[in-house]
Protein backbone atom coordinates (compact mmCIF):
# COMPACT_ATOMS: atom_id res chain seq x y z
CA UNK A 1 -133.01 -9.85 6.73
CA UNK A 2 -132.35 -13.70 7.52
CA UNK A 3 -130.34 -15.55 4.84
CA UNK A 4 -132.01 -18.34 3.02
CA UNK A 5 -130.58 -21.40 1.18
CA UNK A 6 -132.20 -20.13 -1.87
CA UNK A 7 -130.02 -17.08 -1.93
CA UNK A 8 -126.89 -19.22 -1.36
CA UNK A 9 -127.84 -21.51 -4.15
CA UNK A 10 -128.68 -18.53 -6.69
CA UNK A 11 -124.95 -17.43 -6.05
CA UNK A 12 -123.64 -20.61 -6.63
CA UNK A 13 -125.12 -21.87 -9.98
CA UNK A 14 -123.67 -22.37 -13.25
CA UNK A 15 -124.55 -19.03 -14.49
CA UNK A 16 -122.48 -17.61 -11.68
CA UNK A 17 -119.32 -19.46 -12.90
CA UNK A 18 -119.57 -22.09 -9.99
CA UNK A 19 -120.13 -25.21 -12.13
CA UNK A 20 -119.56 -28.44 -10.04
CA UNK A 21 -121.45 -27.54 -6.89
CA UNK A 22 -124.14 -29.82 -5.73
CA UNK A 23 -126.51 -28.76 -2.96
CA UNK A 24 -128.49 -31.48 -0.71
CA UNK A 25 -129.25 -31.83 2.93
CA UNK A 26 -128.16 -33.79 5.89
CA UNK A 27 -130.16 -34.29 9.03
CA UNK A 28 -132.24 -31.19 7.74
CA UNK A 29 -129.14 -29.03 7.54
CA UNK A 30 -128.12 -27.64 3.93
CA UNK A 31 -124.98 -29.18 2.56
CA UNK A 32 -122.88 -28.14 -0.44
CA UNK A 33 -120.43 -30.29 -2.08
CA UNK A 34 -117.58 -27.99 -3.44
CA UNK A 35 -114.86 -29.16 -5.64
CA UNK A 36 -111.82 -29.04 -4.13
CA UNK A 37 -110.12 -26.52 -6.11
CA UNK A 38 -112.83 -24.34 -5.24
CA UNK A 39 -112.97 -24.58 -1.51
CA UNK A 40 -110.86 -21.59 -0.56
CA UNK A 41 -112.92 -19.21 -3.14
CA UNK A 42 -116.30 -20.42 -1.84
CA UNK A 43 -115.27 -20.25 1.84
CA UNK A 44 -114.31 -16.46 1.43
CA UNK A 45 -117.74 -15.81 -0.16
CA UNK A 46 -119.66 -17.58 2.45
CA UNK A 47 -117.75 -15.71 5.27
CA UNK A 48 -117.63 -12.20 3.55
CA UNK A 49 -121.00 -12.19 1.68
CA UNK A 50 -123.16 -14.50 3.45
CA UNK A 51 -121.90 -13.87 7.07
CA UNK A 52 -120.73 -17.27 7.95
CA UNK A 53 -118.39 -16.02 10.56
CA UNK A 54 -117.58 -19.38 12.24
CA UNK A 55 -116.12 -22.63 11.35
CA UNK A 56 -117.26 -25.06 14.18
CA UNK A 57 -115.60 -28.16 12.95
CA UNK A 58 -113.97 -30.10 10.28
CA UNK A 59 -114.35 -33.91 10.06
CA UNK A 60 -112.01 -35.98 7.99
CA UNK A 61 -113.94 -39.11 6.52
CA UNK A 62 -112.61 -42.52 5.09
CA UNK A 63 -115.45 -43.94 2.86
CA UNK A 64 -113.02 -46.58 1.86
CA UNK A 65 -114.01 -46.77 -1.86
CA UNK A 66 -111.79 -47.13 -4.62
CA UNK A 67 -112.29 -43.42 -6.33
CA UNK A 68 -112.69 -40.38 -3.91
CA UNK A 69 -112.03 -42.26 -0.73
CA UNK A 70 -111.79 -39.51 1.60
CA UNK A 71 -113.75 -36.42 2.38
CA UNK A 72 -113.55 -33.35 4.49
CA UNK A 73 -116.80 -32.02 5.99
CA UNK A 74 -116.84 -28.52 7.18
CA UNK A 75 -119.49 -27.20 9.75
CA UNK A 76 -120.04 -23.43 9.37
CA UNK A 77 -122.30 -21.25 11.22
CA UNK A 78 -123.74 -17.63 10.82
CA UNK A 79 -124.43 -15.94 14.36
CA UNK A 80 -125.88 -13.07 12.59
CA UNK A 81 -128.43 -15.26 10.82
CA UNK A 82 -128.57 -18.14 13.04
CA UNK A 83 -127.95 -20.46 10.19
CA UNK A 84 -125.85 -23.65 9.83
CA UNK A 85 -124.36 -25.16 6.75
CA UNK A 86 -122.03 -28.01 5.79
CA UNK A 87 -119.59 -27.92 3.06
CA UNK A 88 -118.32 -31.12 1.62
CA UNK A 89 -115.26 -31.67 -0.36
CA UNK A 90 -114.24 -35.08 -1.86
CA UNK A 91 -110.41 -36.14 -1.99
CA UNK A 92 -108.50 -38.33 -3.98
CA UNK A 93 -107.72 -41.91 -2.86
CA UNK A 94 -103.86 -41.83 -3.15
CA UNK A 95 -103.27 -38.55 -2.48
CA UNK A 96 -105.72 -36.74 0.00
CA UNK A 97 -104.99 -33.15 0.04
CA UNK A 98 -107.02 -29.78 0.17
CA UNK A 99 -106.36 -26.24 0.59
CA UNK A 100 -106.05 -25.07 4.14
CA UNK A 101 -109.14 -22.88 5.36
CA UNK A 102 -106.87 -21.33 8.10
CA UNK A 103 -106.72 -18.02 6.07
CA UNK A 104 -110.23 -17.95 6.07
CA UNK A 105 -111.08 -19.18 9.65
CA UNK A 106 -108.31 -19.42 11.71
CA UNK A 107 -110.53 -21.94 13.93
CA UNK A 108 -109.64 -24.23 11.14
CA UNK A 109 -106.02 -24.88 12.77
CA UNK A 110 -106.62 -27.71 15.19
CA UNK A 111 -109.46 -29.29 13.40
CA UNK A 112 -107.16 -29.52 10.28
CA UNK A 113 -104.46 -31.04 12.42
CA UNK A 114 -106.65 -33.54 13.84
CA UNK A 115 -108.05 -34.79 10.39
CA UNK A 116 -104.29 -34.92 9.22
CA UNK A 117 -103.28 -36.76 12.40
CA UNK A 118 -106.05 -39.23 12.37
CA UNK A 119 -106.99 -39.66 8.66
CA UNK A 120 -103.87 -38.38 6.81
CA UNK A 121 -105.58 -35.75 5.02
CA UNK A 122 -102.83 -33.13 3.95
CA UNK A 123 -104.33 -29.57 4.16
CA UNK A 124 -101.87 -27.36 1.80
CA UNK A 125 -100.61 -24.10 3.14
CA UNK A 126 -101.35 -24.87 6.49
CA UNK A 127 -99.18 -22.74 8.89
CA UNK A 128 -98.43 -25.71 11.38
CA UNK A 129 -99.51 -29.08 10.07
CA UNK A 130 -97.97 -31.60 12.63
CA UNK A 131 -99.47 -34.51 14.53
CA UNK A 132 -101.33 -34.06 17.63
CA UNK A 133 -101.95 -37.14 19.42
CA UNK A 134 -99.50 -39.62 17.36
CA UNK A 135 -95.81 -39.40 17.42
CA UNK A 136 -94.75 -37.31 14.30
CA UNK A 137 -92.70 -40.54 12.87
CA UNK A 138 -95.72 -42.71 13.25
CA UNK A 139 -96.56 -43.65 9.64
CA UNK A 140 -100.02 -44.88 10.05
CA UNK A 141 -103.63 -42.86 10.49
CA UNK A 142 -106.00 -44.68 13.05
CA UNK A 143 -109.08 -43.46 11.70
CA UNK A 144 -108.56 -44.99 8.39
CA UNK A 145 -110.62 -48.09 7.55
CA UNK A 146 -107.67 -50.04 6.53
CA UNK A 147 -106.09 -49.64 10.08
CA UNK A 148 -106.06 -52.96 11.77
CA UNK A 149 -108.85 -53.10 14.09
CA UNK A 150 -106.74 -54.86 16.90
CA UNK A 151 -103.86 -52.39 16.30
CA UNK A 152 -100.51 -53.13 14.77
CA UNK A 153 -98.78 -56.17 16.05
CA UNK A 154 -96.24 -55.47 18.41
CA UNK A 155 -97.17 -51.92 19.09
CA UNK A 156 -98.95 -52.18 22.39
CA UNK A 157 -99.83 -55.22 24.42
CA UNK A 158 -103.64 -55.45 24.79
CA UNK A 159 -104.85 -56.61 28.31
CA UNK A 160 -105.83 -60.21 28.49
CA UNK A 161 -109.31 -61.34 29.39
């Protein structure tokens, strides 16, 4: 029997002890916004009870707002039910960090490393959180909205017209 968004909503209601989870949709796909303290627990339930056996991608987002500036958006998929869903976590502006989902889906490894390297989101308890593209000693995050549009002065010479 295929899974429905109503079954997922029923599981994650206030009555089920999951206050703070907000359901919406993005481009006709269901999305659930999860408090960052519950992301590991909710992910395990999604994998074990609802058969979302794949984490396809993680996207780090800089909304460039004063509060909850950063987001992580997780793209999960159930092959059994042919059902895609997104999970979103809002993160603190000063210290963007969230629990790693590597223990739930090992495919989180490189996506979390990329979000760390490009946006500066720290994934707690990640087995190998290090930069992928930038040098380890590089202190900036190129996909943040406050990164200089023309790069850092003196870093790399831009071609002249």
